[in-house]
């Protein structure tokens, strides 16, 4: 798989983890991935929503728990690197990068960009 900057995907593979750009919508009614979106600069992010409210880190915790479950990794494998109080977030997901990318691709397949 090509580098995220080249491929237009919101993830970047390294030797032992994935860096994932996410746009989170709290109070979204349910926990779900809604595809990939590009901003005005052409940067792409995984669109995700959670039912949790954005107070005291509840939405971030719900995002981590939901994403970990969807990807089949432990919650401790998903770390919020930046965007604690913003909608735009950067996550680190530890594990086999090839496996994680396959699962991410399956999550966004057949969803609008």
Protein backbone atom coordinates (compact mmCIF):
# COMPACT_ATOMS: atom_id res chain seq x y z
CA UNK A 1 0.00 0.00 0.00
CA UNK A 2 1.26 3.47 -0.84
CA UNK A 3 2.03 6.16 1.66
CA UNK A 4 -1.04 8.06 2.86
CA UNK A 5 0.22 11.34 1.39
CA UNK A 6 0.39 9.70 -2.02
CA UNK A 7 -2.72 7.55 -1.82
CA UNK A 8 -5.07 10.13 -0.27
CA UNK A 9 -5.87 7.87 2.67
CA UNK A 10 -6.10 9.06 6.29
CA UNK A 11 -3.59 6.50 7.59
CA UNK A 12 0.17 6.10 7.43
CA UNK A 13 1.95 2.82 8.02
CA UNK A 14 5.16 2.53 10.01
CA UNK A 15 7.07 -0.59 11.04
CA UNK A 16 4.93 -1.31 14.11
CA UNK A 17 1.90 0.99 14.10
CA UNK A 18 -0.52 3.10 12.08
CA UNK A 19 -1.04 6.86 12.40
CA UNK A 20 -4.68 7.65 11.72
CA UNK A 21 -6.29 11.05 11.14
CA UNK A 22 -9.89 11.19 12.40
CA UNK A 23 -12.68 13.76 12.31
CA UNK A 24 -14.88 12.92 15.28
CA UNK A 25 -18.52 13.92 15.71
CA UNK A 26 -19.60 13.52 19.34
CA UNK A 27 -23.28 13.11 20.28
CA UNK A 28 -23.71 11.41 16.90
CA UNK A 29 -26.46 9.02 17.94
CA UNK A 30 -24.40 5.85 17.52
CA UNK A 31 -20.79 4.69 17.28
CA UNK A 32 -19.90 4.34 13.60
CA UNK A 33 -17.41 5.04 10.83
CA UNK A 34 -18.94 7.16 8.07
CA UNK A 35 -16.19 6.93 5.44
CA UNK A 36 -13.34 9.23 4.49
CA UNK A 37 -13.47 12.97 3.85
CA UNK A 38 -10.99 15.45 2.44
CA UNK A 39 -10.62 19.01 3.70
CA UNK A 40 -9.89 22.12 1.62
CA UNK A 41 -6.14 21.34 1.75
CA UNK A 42 -6.70 17.83 0.40
CA UNK A 43 -5.87 16.20 3.74
CA UNK A 44 -8.03 13.15 4.37
CA UNK A 45 -9.56 11.99 7.62
CA UNK A 46 -11.62 9.03 8.75
CA UNK A 47 -15.12 10.33 9.54
CA UNK A 48 -16.33 8.83 12.79
CA UNK A 49 -19.21 9.49 15.15
CA UNK A 50 -19.86 8.41 18.71
CA UNK A 51 -22.96 8.66 20.87
CA UNK A 52 -20.97 10.00 23.84
CA UNK A 53 -21.02 13.68 24.72
CA UNK A 54 -17.91 15.86 24.36
CA UNK A 55 -17.25 16.47 28.03
CA UNK A 56 -14.48 15.26 30.32
CA UNK A 57 -12.99 13.07 27.58
CA UNK A 58 -16.10 10.88 27.22
CA UNK A 59 -16.24 11.21 23.42
CA UNK A 60 -12.52 10.44 23.06
CA UNK A 61 -12.84 7.36 25.26
CA UNK A 62 -15.87 6.19 23.26
CA UNK A 63 -13.99 6.76 19.99
CA UNK A 64 -11.01 4.72 21.20
CA UNK A 65 -13.23 1.90 22.50
CA UNK A 66 -15.33 1.75 19.32
CA UNK A 67 -12.36 1.91 16.97
CA UNK A 68 -10.46 -0.73 18.95
CA UNK A 69 -13.49 -3.05 18.76
CA UNK A 70 -13.97 -2.42 15.02
CA UNK A 71 -10.28 -3.12 14.31
CA UNK A 72 -9.99 -6.10 16.64
CA UNK A 73 -7.26 -4.57 18.81
CA UNK A 74 -7.15 -3.77 22.52
CA UNK A 75 -8.14 -0.30 23.75
CA UNK A 76 -4.61 0.10 25.10
CA UNK A 77 -3.31 -0.27 21.51
CA UNK A 78 -5.09 2.94 20.48
CA UNK A 79 -3.55 6.20 21.68
CA UNK A 80 -4.75 9.76 21.11
CA UNK A 81 -1.67 11.73 19.98
CA UNK A 82 -3.30 15.09 19.28
CA UNK A 83 -6.69 16.78 19.17
CA UNK A 84 -7.85 16.12 22.73
CA UNK A 85 -10.48 18.89 22.61
CA UNK A 86 -10.77 19.28 18.81
CA UNK A 87 -12.79 17.38 16.22
CA UNK A 88 -9.62 16.72 14.21
CA UNK A 89 -7.57 14.02 15.91
CA UNK A 90 -4.44 11.98 15.29
CA UNK A 91 -4.35 8.44 16.68
CA UNK A 92 -1.59 5.86 16.98
CA UNK A 93 -2.75 2.26 16.63
CA UNK A 94 -0.17 -0.32 17.67
CA UNK A 95 -0.12 -3.70 16.00
CA UNK A 96 0.60 -5.32 12.65
CA UNK A 97 0.28 -2.44 10.15
CA UNK A 98 -0.77 -4.69 7.26
CA UNK A 99 -3.58 -6.24 9.31
CA UNK A 100 -4.77 -2.88 10.63
CA UNK A 101 -4.81 -1.35 7.12
CA UNK A 102 -6.88 -4.27 5.81
CA UNK A 103 -9.39 -3.77 8.62
CA UNK A 104 -9.50 0.01 8.03
CA UNK A 105 -10.08 -0.56 4.31
CA UNK A 106 -12.94 -2.93 5.17
CA UNK A 107 -14.47 -0.29 7.47
CA UNK A 108 -14.55 2.40 4.80
CA UNK A 109 -15.41 0.17 1.85
CA UNK A 110 -18.71 1.07 0.19
CA UNK A 111 -19.00 4.32 2.16
CA UNK A 112 -19.06 7.69 0.40
CA UNK A 113 -15.93 9.81 0.39
